[in-house]
Amino acid sequence: MTPIVDGLEEEFDADVAVVRLNAAEPENVELQQEFGLQGHPAFAILDENGRTTQTFFGPQSEETLRAALTAVVPAEN
């Protein structure tokens, strides 16, 4: 998943912030619970107001994640 996420992070550049959490680290448990992330990989897509718009569990295709990110990134004029 890392190459896909890295590629999307580069593609969307300043339009999205990618935050990676290590599920094994105790300090990340609260955030995982807050966003309902169970297992890994898991993804939470948030809008500009910090609201979760979609969550994904398990490996996802590049196309699936790109579509989820595109849905929350404002279209350029």
PDB file of N, CA and C in Angstrom:
ATOM      1  N   MET A   1       0.812  -1.198   0.000  1.00  0.00           N
ATOM      2  CA  MET A   1       0.000   0.000   0.000  1.00  0.00           C
ATOM      3  C   MET A   1       0.856   1.263   0.000  1.00  0.00           C
ATOM      4  N   THR A   2       2.057   1.175   0.538  1.00  0.00           N
ATOM      5  CA  THR A   2       2.888   2.372   0.644  1.00  0.00           C
ATOM      6  C   THR A   2       3.136   3.033  -0.705  1.00  0.00           C
ATOM      7  N   PRO A   3       3.488   2.289  -1.759  1.00  0.00           N
ATOM      8  CA  PRO A   3       3.707   2.961  -3.049  1.00  0.00           C
ATOM      9  C   PRO A   3       2.452   3.665  -3.574  1.00  0.00           C
ATOM     10  N   ILE A   4       1.282   3.074  -3.363  1.00  0.00           N
ATOM     11  CA  ILE A   4       0.036   3.696  -3.819  1.00  0.00           C
ATOM     12  C   ILE A   4      -0.225   4.978  -3.038  1.00  0.00           C
ATOM     13  N   VAL A   5      -0.112   4.911  -1.728  1.00  0.00           N
ATOM     14  CA  VAL A   5      -0.360   6.091  -0.896  1.00  0.00           C
ATOM     15  C   VAL A   5       0.675   7.174  -1.191  1.00  0.00           C
ATOM     16  N   ASP A   6       1.930   6.784  -1.343  1.00  0.00           N
ATOM     17  CA  ASP A   6       2.972   7.763  -1.681  1.00  0.00           C
ATOM     18  C   ASP A   6       2.665   8.452  -3.004  1.00  0.00           C
ATOM     19  N   GLY A   7       2.236   7.679  -3.997  1.00  0.00           N
ATOM     20  CA  GLY A   7       1.905   8.247  -5.304  1.00  0.00           C
ATOM     21  C   GLY A   7       0.734   9.208  -5.232  1.00  0.00           C
ATOM     22  N   LEU A   8      -0.293   8.847  -4.483  1.00  0.00           N
ATOM     23  CA  LEU A   8      -1.452   9.731  -4.342  1.00  0.00           C
ATOM     24  C   LEU A   8      -1.098  10.984  -3.553  1.00  0.00           C
ATOM     25  N   GLU A   9      -0.246  10.828  -2.558  1.00  0.00           N
ATOM     26  CA  GLU A   9       0.199  11.989  -1.786  1.00  0.00           C
ATOM     27  C   GLU A   9       0.919  12.975  -2.707  1.00  0.00           C
ATOM     28  N   GLU A  10       1.748  12.466  -3.588  1.00  0.00           N
ATOM     29  CA  GLU A  10       2.456  13.325  -4.542  1.00  0.00           C
ATOM     30  C   GLU A  10       1.485  13.923  -5.560  1.00  0.00           C
ATOM     31  N   GLU A  11       0.566  13.111  -6.050  1.00  0.00           N
ATOM     32  CA  GLU A  11      -0.401  13.569  -7.055  1.00  0.00           C
ATOM     33  C   GLU A  11      -1.286  14.696  -6.525  1.00  0.00           C
ATOM     34  N   PHE A  12      -1.764  14.545  -5.297  1.00  0.00           N
ATOM     35  CA  PHE A  12      -2.675  15.539  -4.729  1.00  0.00           C
ATOM     36  C   PHE A  12      -1.941  16.676  -4.029  1.00  0.00           C
ATOM     37  N   ASP A  13      -0.646  16.516  -3.831  1.00  0.00           N
ATOM     38  CA  ASP A  13       0.262  17.540  -3.325  1.00  0.00           C
ATOM     39  C   ASP A  13      -0.344  18.319  -2.158  1.00  0.00           C
ATOM     40  N   ALA A  14      -0.523  19.602  -2.321  1.00  0.00           N
ATOM     41  CA  ALA A  14      -0.981  20.467  -1.226  1.00  0.00           C
ATOM     42  C   ALA A  14      -2.483  20.356  -0.966  1.00  0.00           C
ATOM     43  N   ASP A  15      -3.207  19.626  -1.816  1.00  0.00           N
ATOM     44  CA  ASP A  15      -4.660  19.528  -1.656  1.00  0.00           C
ATOM     45  C   ASP A  15      -5.086  18.561  -0.552  1.00  0.00           C
ATOM     46  N   VAL A  16      -4.202  17.657  -0.162  1.00  0.00           N
ATOM     47  CA  VAL A  16      -4.530  16.708   0.901  1.00  0.00           C
ATOM     48  C   VAL A  16      -3.355  16.595   1.869  1.00  0.00           C
ATOM     49  N   ALA A  17      -3.667  16.212   3.070  1.00  0.00           N
ATOM     50  CA  ALA A  17      -2.632  15.908   4.064  1.00  0.00           C
ATOM     51  C   ALA A  17      -2.730  14.422   4.372  1.00  0.00           C
ATOM     52  N   VAL A  18      -1.663  13.713   4.139  1.00  0.00           N
ATOM     53  CA  VAL A  18      -1.624  12.288   4.437  1.00  0.00           C
ATOM     54  C   VAL A  18      -0.972  12.117   5.806  1.00  0.00           C
ATOM     55  N   VAL A  19      -1.690  11.458   6.697  1.00  0.00           N
ATOM     56  CA  VAL A  19      -1.178  11.199   8.042  1.00  0.00           C
ATOM     57  C   VAL A  19      -1.094   9.690   8.204  1.00  0.00           C
ATOM     58  N   ARG A  20       0.070   9.220   8.553  1.00  0.00           N
ATOM     59  CA  ARG A  20       0.267   7.785   8.747  1.00  0.00           C
ATOM     60  C   ARG A  20       0.390   7.503  10.246  1.00  0.00           C
ATOM     61  N   LEU A  21      -0.358   6.498  10.687  1.00  0.00           N
ATOM     62  CA  LEU A  21      -0.294   6.086  12.086  1.00  0.00           C
ATOM     63  C   LEU A  21       0.198   4.652  12.151  1.00  0.00           C
ATOM     64  N   ASN A  22       1.073   4.386  13.089  1.00  0.00           N
ATOM     65  CA  ASN A  22       1.501   3.024  13.348  1.00  0.00           C
ATOM     66  C   ASN A  22       0.506   2.430  14.342  1.00  0.00           C
ATOM     67  N   ALA A  23      -0.249   1.443  13.897  1.00  0.00           N
ATOM     68  CA  ALA A  23      -1.301   0.852  14.729  1.00  0.00           C
ATOM     69  C   ALA A  23      -0.744   0.169  15.974  1.00  0.00           C
ATOM     70  N   ALA A  24       0.524  -0.173  15.962  1.00  0.00           N
ATOM     71  CA  ALA A  24       1.125  -0.874  17.094  1.00  0.00           C
ATOM     72  C   ALA A  24       1.560   0.074  18.210  1.00  0.00           C
ATOM     73  N   GLU A  25       1.541   1.365  17.954  1.00  0.00           N
ATOM     74  CA  GLU A  25       2.009   2.326  18.946  1.00  0.00           C
ATOM     75  C   GLU A  25       0.846   2.788  19.831  1.00  0.00           C
ATOM     76  N   PRO A  26       0.994   2.644  21.146  1.00  0.00           N
ATOM     77  CA  PRO A  26      -0.091   2.990  22.077  1.00  0.00           C
ATOM     78  C   PRO A  26      -0.602   4.423  21.934  1.00  0.00           C
ATOM     79  N   GLU A  27       0.263   5.353  21.589  1.00  0.00           N
ATOM     80  CA  GLU A  27      -0.175   6.750  21.480  1.00  0.00           C
ATOM     81  C   GLU A  27      -1.139   6.983  20.314  1.00  0.00           C
ATOM     82  N   ASN A  28      -1.280   6.005  19.431  1.00  0.00           N
ATOM     83  CA  ASN A  28      -2.180   6.159  18.288  1.00  0.00           C
ATOM     84  C   ASN A  28      -3.551   5.528  18.502  1.00  0.00           C
ATOM     85  N   VAL A  29      -3.733   4.828  19.603  1.00  0.00           N
ATOM     86  CA  VAL A  29      -4.991   4.119  19.867  1.00  0.00           C
ATOM     87  C   VAL A  29      -6.178   5.075  19.888  1.00  0.00           C
ATOM     88  N   GLU A  30      -6.033   6.212  20.539  1.00  0.00           N
ATOM     89  CA  GLU A  30      -7.145   7.160  20.647  1.00  0.00           C
ATOM     90  C   GLU A  30      -7.595   7.654  19.271  1.00  0.00           C
ATOM     91  N   LEU A  31      -6.651   8.000  18.407  1.00  0.00           N
ATOM     92  CA  LEU A  31      -7.016   8.449  17.056  1.00  0.00           C
ATOM     93  C   LEU A  31      -7.674   7.333  16.258  1.00  0.00           C
ATOM     94  N   GLN A  32      -7.165   6.123  16.393  1.00  0.00           N
ATOM     95  CA  GLN A  32      -7.775   4.992  15.694  1.00  0.00           C
ATOM     96  C   GLN A  32      -9.222   4.817  16.127  1.00  0.00           C
ATOM     97  N   GLN A  33      -9.472   4.929  17.410  1.00  0.00           N
ATOM     98  CA  GLN A  33     -10.835   4.787  17.924  1.00  0.00           C
ATOM     99  C   GLN A  33     -11.712   5.946  17.472  1.00  0.00           C
ATOM    100  N   GLU A  34     -11.167   7.151  17.499  1.00  0.00           N
ATOM    101  CA  GLU A  34     -11.930   8.334  17.092  1.00  0.00           C
ATOM    102  C   GLU A  34     -12.445   8.205  15.664  1.00  0.00           C
ATOM    103  N   PHE A  35     -11.617   7.653  14.785  1.00  0.00           N
ATOM    104  CA  PHE A  35     -12.004   7.538  13.381  1.00  0.00           C
ATOM    105  C   PHE A  35     -12.534   6.150  13.029  1.00  0.00           C
ATOM    106  N   GLY A  36     -12.679   5.278  14.019  1.00  0.00           N
ATOM    107  CA  GLY A  36     -13.233   3.951  13.789  1.00  0.00           C
ATOM    108  C   GLY A  36     -12.346   3.065  12.943  1.00  0.00           C
ATOM    109  N   LEU A  37     -11.047   3.257  13.047  1.00  0.00           N
ATOM    110  CA  LEU A  37     -10.105   2.479  12.243  1.00  0.00           C
ATOM    111  C   LEU A  37      -9.724   1.216  12.997  1.00  0.00           C
ATOM    112  N   GLN A  38      -9.995   0.084  12.365  1.00  0.00           N
ATOM    113  CA  GLN A  38      -9.681  -1.203  12.965  1.00  0.00           C
ATOM    114  C   GLN A  38      -8.812  -1.978  12.001  1.00  0.00           C
ATOM    115  N   GLY A  39      -7.775  -2.572  12.508  1.00  0.00           N
ATOM    116  CA  GLY A  39      -6.881  -3.333  11.652  1.00  0.00           C
ATOM    117  C   GLY A  39      -6.052  -2.412  10.782  1.00  0.00           C
ATOM    118  N   HIS A  40      -5.298  -3.020   9.923  1.00  0.00           N
ATOM    119  CA  HIS A  40      -4.514  -2.212   9.008  1.00  0.00           C
ATOM    120  C   HIS A  40      -4.202  -3.010   7.757  1.00  0.00           C
ATOM    121  N   PRO A  41      -4.133  -2.367   6.650  1.00  0.00           N
ATOM    122  CA  PRO A  41      -4.283  -0.921   6.539  1.00  0.00           C
ATOM    123  C   PRO A  41      -5.746  -0.496   6.690  1.00  0.00           C
ATOM    124  N   ALA A  42      -5.914   0.701   7.155  1.00  0.00           N
ATOM    125  CA  ALA A  42      -7.235   1.323   7.246  1.00  0.00           C
ATOM    126  C   ALA A  42      -7.073   2.782   6.861  1.00  0.00           C
ATOM    127  N   PHE A  43      -8.093   3.321   6.227  1.00  0.00           N
ATOM    128  CA  PHE A  43      -8.019   4.684   5.715  1.00  0.00           C
ATOM    129  C   PHE A  43      -9.262   5.455   6.119  1.00  0.00           C
ATOM    130  N   ALA A  44      -9.073   6.681   6.565  1.00  0.00           N
ATOM    131  CA  ALA A  44     -10.186   7.590   6.838  1.00  0.00           C
ATOM    132  C   ALA A  44      -9.994   8.794   5.932  1.00  0.00           C
ATOM    133  N   ILE A  45     -10.997   9.106   5.143  1.00  0.00           N
ATOM    134  CA  ILE A  45     -10.971  10.275   4.267  1.00  0.00           C
ATOM    135  C   ILE A  45     -11.807  11.345   4.950  1.00  0.00           C
ATOM    136  N   LEU A  46     -11.202  12.491   5.200  1.00  0.00           N
ATOM    137  CA  LEU A  46     -11.888  13.589   5.881  1.00  0.00           C
ATOM    138  C   LEU A  46     -12.060  14.757   4.929  1.00  0.00           C
ATOM    139  N   ASP A  47     -13.147  15.498   5.118  1.00  0.00           N
ATOM    140  CA  ASP A  47     -13.357  16.689   4.298  1.00  0.00           C
ATOM    141  C   ASP A  47     -12.609  17.867   4.914  1.00  0.00           C
ATOM    142  N   GLU A  48     -12.772  19.025   4.308  1.00  0.00           N
ATOM    143  CA  GLU A  48     -12.038  20.212   4.762  1.00  0.00           C
ATOM    144  C   GLU A  48     -12.422  20.655   6.170  1.00  0.00           C
ATOM    145  N   ASN A  49     -13.562  20.161   6.673  1.00  0.00           N
ATOM    146  CA  ASN A  49     -14.007  20.494   8.028  1.00  0.00           C
ATOM    147  C   ASN A  49     -13.631  19.422   9.047  1.00  0.00           C
ATOM    148  N   GLY A  50     -12.885  18.422   8.605  1.00  0.00           N
ATOM    149  CA  GLY A  50     -12.456  17.362   9.502  1.00  0.00           C
ATOM    150  C   GLY A  50     -13.478  16.273   9.734  1.00  0.00           C
ATOM    151  N   ARG A  51     -14.547  16.260   8.945  1.00  0.00           N
ATOM    152  CA  ARG A  51     -15.571  15.212   9.068  1.00  0.00           C
ATOM    153  C   ARG A  51     -15.186  14.020   8.196  1.00  0.00           C
ATOM    154  N   THR A  52     -15.360  12.836   8.736  1.00  0.00           N
ATOM    155  CA  THR A  52     -15.065  11.627   7.980  1.00  0.00           C
ATOM    156  C   THR A  52     -16.107  11.449   6.888  1.00  0.00           C
ATOM    157  N   THR A  53     -15.645  11.332   5.647  1.00  0.00           N
ATOM    158  CA  THR A  53     -16.559  11.114   4.532  1.00  0.00           C
ATOM    159  C   THR A  53     -16.592   9.647   4.114  1.00  0.00           C
ATOM    160  N   GLN A  54     -15.463   8.965   4.263  1.00  0.00           N
ATOM    161  CA  GLN A  54     -15.390   7.551   3.912  1.00  0.00           C
ATOM    162  C   GLN A  54     -14.313   6.883   4.753  1.00  0.00           C
ATOM    163  N   THR A  55     -14.527   5.597   5.027  1.00  0.00           N
ATOM    164  CA  THR A  55     -13.482   4.788   5.647  1.00  0.00           C
ATOM    165  C   THR A  55     -13.321   3.522   4.827  1.00  0.00           C
ATOM    166  N   PHE A  56     -12.109   3.035   4.791  1.00  0.00           N
ATOM    167  CA  PHE A  56     -11.786   1.816   4.056  1.00  0.00           C
ATOM    168  C   PHE A  56     -10.946   0.928   4.954  1.00  0.00           C
ATOM    169  N   PHE A  57     -11.183  -0.367   4.874  1.00  0.00           N
ATOM    170  CA  PHE A  57     -10.437  -1.332   5.664  1.00  0.00           C
ATOM    171  C   PHE A  57      -9.819  -2.354   4.729  1.00  0.00           C
ATOM    172  N   GLY A  58      -8.569  -2.661   4.966  1.00  0.00           N
ATOM    173  CA  GLY A  58      -7.857  -3.606   4.122  1.00  0.00           C
ATOM    174  C   GLY A  58      -7.272  -2.912   2.905  1.00  0.00           C
ATOM    175  N   PRO A  59      -6.507  -3.653   2.126  1.00  0.00           N
ATOM    176  CA  PRO A  59      -5.880  -3.073   0.940  1.00  0.00           C
ATOM    177  C   PRO A  59      -6.934  -2.521  -0.026  1.00  0.00           C
ATOM    178  N   GLN A  60      -6.626  -1.370  -0.616  1.00  0.00           N
ATOM    179  CA  GLN A  60      -7.534  -0.715  -1.559  1.00  0.00           C
ATOM    180  C   GLN A  60      -6.786  -0.432  -2.855  1.00  0.00           C
ATOM    181  N   SER A  61      -7.524  -0.364  -3.928  1.00  0.00           N
ATOM    182  CA  SER A  61      -6.890  -0.039  -5.205  1.00  0.00           C
ATOM    183  C   SER A  61      -6.576   1.451  -5.265  1.00  0.00           C
ATOM    184  N   GLU A  62      -5.629   1.777  -6.101  1.00  0.00           N
ATOM    185  CA  GLU A  62      -5.285   3.182  -6.313  1.00  0.00           C
ATOM    186  C   GLU A  62      -6.504   3.956  -6.800  1.00  0.00           C
ATOM    187  N   GLU A  63      -7.293   3.356  -7.665  1.00  0.00           N
ATOM    188  CA  GLU A  63      -8.476   4.014  -8.220  1.00  0.00           C
ATOM    189  C   GLU A  63      -9.506   4.325  -7.135  1.00  0.00           C
ATOM    190  N   THR A  64      -9.703   3.396  -6.213  1.00  0.00           N
ATOM    191  CA  THR A  64     -10.662   3.605  -5.125  1.00  0.00           C
ATOM    192  C   THR A  64     -10.247   4.775  -4.248  1.00  0.00           C
ATOM    193  N   LEU A  65      -8.978   4.797  -3.862  1.00  0.00           N
ATOM    194  CA  LEU A  65      -8.500   5.882  -3.003  1.00  0.00           C
ATOM    195  C   LEU A  65      -8.477   7.210  -3.749  1.00  0.00           C
ATOM    196  N   ARG A  66      -8.109   7.186  -5.026  1.00  0.00           N
ATOM    197  CA  ARG A  66      -8.100   8.426  -5.820  1.00  0.00           C
ATOM    198  C   ARG A  66      -9.515   9.003  -5.905  1.00  0.00           C
ATOM    199  N   ALA A  67     -10.505   8.162  -6.140  1.00  0.00           N
ATOM    200  CA  ALA A  67     -11.892   8.631  -6.229  1.00  0.00           C
ATOM    201  C   ALA A  67     -12.343   9.242  -4.902  1.00  0.00           C
ATOM    202  N   ALA A  68     -11.962   8.627  -3.792  1.00  0.00           N
ATOM    203  CA  ALA A  68     -12.345   9.151  -2.476  1.00  0.00           C
ATOM    204  C   ALA A  68     -11.694  10.502  -2.221  1.00  0.00           C
ATOM    205  N   LEU A  69     -10.438  10.653  -2.606  1.00  0.00           N
ATOM    206  CA  LEU A  69      -9.750  11.932  -2.422  1.00  0.00           C
ATOM    207  C   LEU A  69     -10.307  12.996  -3.355  1.00  0.00           C
ATOM    208  N   THR A  70     -10.571  12.618  -4.585  1.00  0.00           N
ATOM    209  CA  THR A  70     -11.121  13.566  -5.555  1.00  0.00           C
ATOM    210  C   THR A  70     -12.459  14.116  -5.076  1.00  0.00           C
ATOM    211  N   ALA A  71     -13.237  13.283  -4.399  1.00  0.00           N
ATOM    212  CA  ALA A  71     -14.554  13.708  -3.912  1.00  0.00           C
ATOM    213  C   ALA A  71     -14.468  14.795  -2.843  1.00  0.00           C
ATOM    214  N   VAL A  72     -13.344  14.886  -2.132  1.00  0.00           N
ATOM    215  CA  VAL A  72     -13.235  15.888  -1.068  1.00  0.00           C
ATOM    216  C   VAL A  72     -12.335  17.063  -1.428  1.00  0.00           C
ATOM    217  N   VAL A  73     -11.684  16.989  -2.584  1.00  0.00           N
ATOM    218  CA  VAL A  73     -10.817  18.091  -3.017  1.00  0.00           C
ATOM    219  C   VAL A  73     -11.637  19.021  -3.900  1.00  0.00           C
ATOM    220  N   PRO A  74     -11.693  20.296  -3.555  1.00  0.00           N
ATOM    221  CA  PRO A  74     -12.456  21.236  -4.382  1.00  0.00           C
ATOM    222  C   PRO A  74     -11.896  21.298  -5.803  1.00  0.00           C
ATOM    223  N   ALA A  75     -12.794  21.350  -6.764  1.00  0.00           N
ATOM    224  CA  ALA A  75     -12.376  21.464  -8.165  1.00  0.00           C
ATOM    225  C   ALA A  75     -11.727  22.821  -8.388  1.00  0.00           C
ATOM    226  N   GLU A  76     -10.679  22.812  -9.200  1.00  0.00           N
ATOM    227  CA  GLU A  76     -10.020  24.081  -9.522  1.00  0.00           C
ATOM    228  C   GLU A  76     -10.831  24.824 -10.563  1.00  0.00           C
ATOM    229  N   ASN A  77     -10.843  26.139 -10.446  1.00  0.00           N
ATOM    230  CA  ASN A  77     -11.601  26.969 -11.399  1.00  0.00           C
ATOM    231  C   ASN A  77     -10.857  27.104 -12.695  1.00  0.00           C
TER     232      ASN A  77
END
